[in-house]
Amino acid sequence: QVQLVESGGGLVQAGGSLRLSCVASTSIFSSNTMNWYRQAPGKQRELVASVTNGGTTTYEDSVKDRFTISRDNAKNTVYLQMSKLKPDDTAIYYCRGYNGRILVGSWGQGTQVTVSS
C-alpha cells in the first residue's frame, strides 16, 4: 500500500526553480502536519519545511526566503516551491506526516533534486 508519493524533482541550474509535490494517503494527510525532508549524499536526512493542518509554516534556516511549503487539503497534497536553488540544495527530497508526537507513514521513494553550478 503506497502511502506517500513524491514527484517534481529534476536537474536545474543554480538560481532556477522547481516545484515538488507529495500525494499522501488520507490516513497520513488528514489533520497532521506535513513535513519535507532532504538527504544529500553522505549526510543525514534533515527537516526542510513543515506546514500544519491550519497552514502554519516553518523552515530550516538555509531555505528561508527561497522555499515555500503549502498544502491542498482537498487533494491530500503538500507542495514545496523551491526558488533561487543552490548546488547545496542537491538531495533526495521526501515528505512525511507528523502527528505532534511521531512521524506517520513510511518513507517513500523520494524525488531527486540536482542543482548544477
Protein backbone atom coordinates (compact mmCIF):
# COMPACT_ATOMS: atom_id res chain seq x y z
CA GLN A 1 0.00 0.00 0.00
CA VAL A 2 1.63 3.20 -1.24
CA GLN A 3 1.21 5.96 1.33
CA LEU A 4 3.43 8.80 0.13
CA VAL A 5 4.43 9.60 -3.45
CA GLU A 6 6.85 12.42 -4.13
CA SER A 7 7.42 13.94 -7.57
CA GLY A 8 8.66 17.03 -9.36
CA GLY A 9 12.39 16.72 -8.92
CA GLY A 10 14.92 17.14 -11.69
CA LEU A 11 18.10 18.78 -12.87
CA VAL A 12 18.19 22.55 -12.72
CA GLN A 13 20.85 25.23 -12.91
CA ALA A 14 21.75 27.31 -9.88
CA GLY A 15 19.27 30.12 -9.47
CA GLY A 16 16.46 28.10 -11.01
CA SER A 17 13.20 26.85 -9.56
CA LEU A 18 11.37 23.58 -9.04
CA ARG A 19 8.04 22.62 -7.52
CA LEU A 20 7.83 19.36 -5.64
CA SER A 21 4.59 17.54 -4.89
CA CYS A 22 3.75 14.83 -2.42
CA VAL A 23 0.46 12.96 -2.52
CA ALA A 24 -0.36 11.21 0.74
CA SER A 25 -2.99 8.74 1.78
CA THR A 26 -5.83 10.24 3.76
CA SER A 27 -4.75 8.48 6.95
CA ILE A 28 -1.40 10.27 6.80
CA PHE A 29 -2.51 13.64 5.50
CA SER A 30 -5.68 14.29 7.43
CA SER A 31 -5.21 16.54 10.49
CA ASN A 32 -1.44 16.05 10.50
CA THR A 33 1.44 18.38 9.99
CA MET A 34 3.21 17.59 6.74
CA ASN A 35 6.98 17.84 6.51
CA TRP A 36 9.51 17.95 3.70
CA TYR A 37 12.92 16.40 4.37
CA ARG A 38 16.02 16.04 2.27
CA GLN A 39 19.06 13.83 2.30
CA ALA A 40 22.23 14.77 0.48
CA PRO A 41 24.90 12.17 -0.35
CA GLY A 42 26.89 11.27 2.74
CA LYS A 43 24.71 13.39 5.01
CA GLN A 44 21.90 12.73 7.43
CA ARG A 45 18.32 13.39 6.48
CA GLU A 46 17.21 16.86 7.58
CA LEU A 47 13.89 18.60 8.04
CA VAL A 48 13.47 21.37 5.49
CA ALA A 49 9.96 22.71 5.97
CA SER A 50 6.69 21.99 7.77
CA VAL A 51 3.07 23.02 7.34
CA THR A 52 0.39 22.35 9.93
CA ASN A 53 -3.16 21.39 9.07
CA GLY A 54 -4.08 25.01 9.74
CA GLY A 55 -1.44 26.34 7.37
CA THR A 56 1.27 27.49 9.77
CA THR A 57 4.68 27.06 8.18
CA THR A 58 8.23 26.71 9.47
CA TYR A 59 11.52 26.48 7.58
CA GLU A 60 15.09 25.40 8.10
CA ASP A 61 17.28 28.50 8.13
CA SER A 62 19.13 27.79 4.89
CA VAL A 63 15.91 27.69 2.85
CA LYS A 64 14.03 30.59 4.38
CA ASP A 65 13.03 33.19 1.78
CA ARG A 66 13.75 30.67 -1.00
CA PHE A 67 11.36 27.75 -0.37
CA THR A 68 7.63 27.84 0.22
CA ILE A 69 5.64 24.92 1.60
CA SER A 70 1.91 24.68 1.08
CA ARG A 71 -0.84 22.10 1.19
CA ASP A 72 -4.09 21.36 -0.60
CA ASN A 73 -6.27 19.52 1.88
CA ALA A 74 -8.82 18.61 -0.80
CA LYS A 75 -6.14 16.77 -2.77
CA ASN A 76 -4.13 15.31 0.12
CA THR A 77 -1.12 17.00 -1.42
CA VAL A 78 1.74 19.01 0.01
CA TYR A 79 3.97 21.15 -2.18
CA LEU A 80 7.44 22.61 -1.90
CA GLN A 81 8.10 25.54 -4.20
CA MET A 82 11.86 25.99 -4.43
CA SER A 83 13.46 29.05 -5.95
CA LYS A 84 16.96 30.54 -6.11
CA LEU A 85 18.26 26.99 -5.95
CA LYS A 86 21.86 26.38 -4.96
CA PRO A 87 24.14 23.37 -5.52
CA ASP A 88 23.88 22.71 -1.75
CA ASP A 89 20.17 22.01 -2.27
CA THR A 90 21.08 18.88 -4.22
CA ALA A 91 19.48 15.96 -2.40
CA ILE A 92 16.67 13.44 -2.44
CA TYR A 93 13.54 15.11 -1.07
CA TYR A 94 10.97 13.22 0.97
CA CYS A 95 7.71 14.03 2.68
CA ARG A 96 6.21 12.59 5.87
CA GLY A 97 3.30 13.25 8.14
CA TYR A 98 3.75 14.24 11.78
CA ASN A 99 1.01 13.95 14.39
CA GLY A 100 2.73 16.01 17.07
CA ARG A 101 4.41 13.01 18.67
CA ILE A 102 5.73 10.74 15.97
CA LEU A 103 6.16 10.58 12.21
CA VAL A 104 3.35 8.75 10.49
CA GLY A 105 3.53 6.57 7.41
CA SER A 106 6.71 5.23 5.84
CA TRP A 107 9.44 6.85 3.79
CA GLY A 108 8.54 6.97 0.11
CA GLN A 109 10.95 6.73 -2.79
CA GLY A 110 11.66 10.47 -2.67
CA THR A 111 12.37 12.73 -5.60
CA GLN A 112 15.88 13.67 -6.71
CA VAL A 113 16.80 17.34 -7.00
CA THR A 114 20.11 18.15 -8.62
CA VAL A 115 21.33 21.72 -8.88
CA SER A 116 24.27 22.37 -11.16
CA SER A 117 26.62 25.30 -10.69
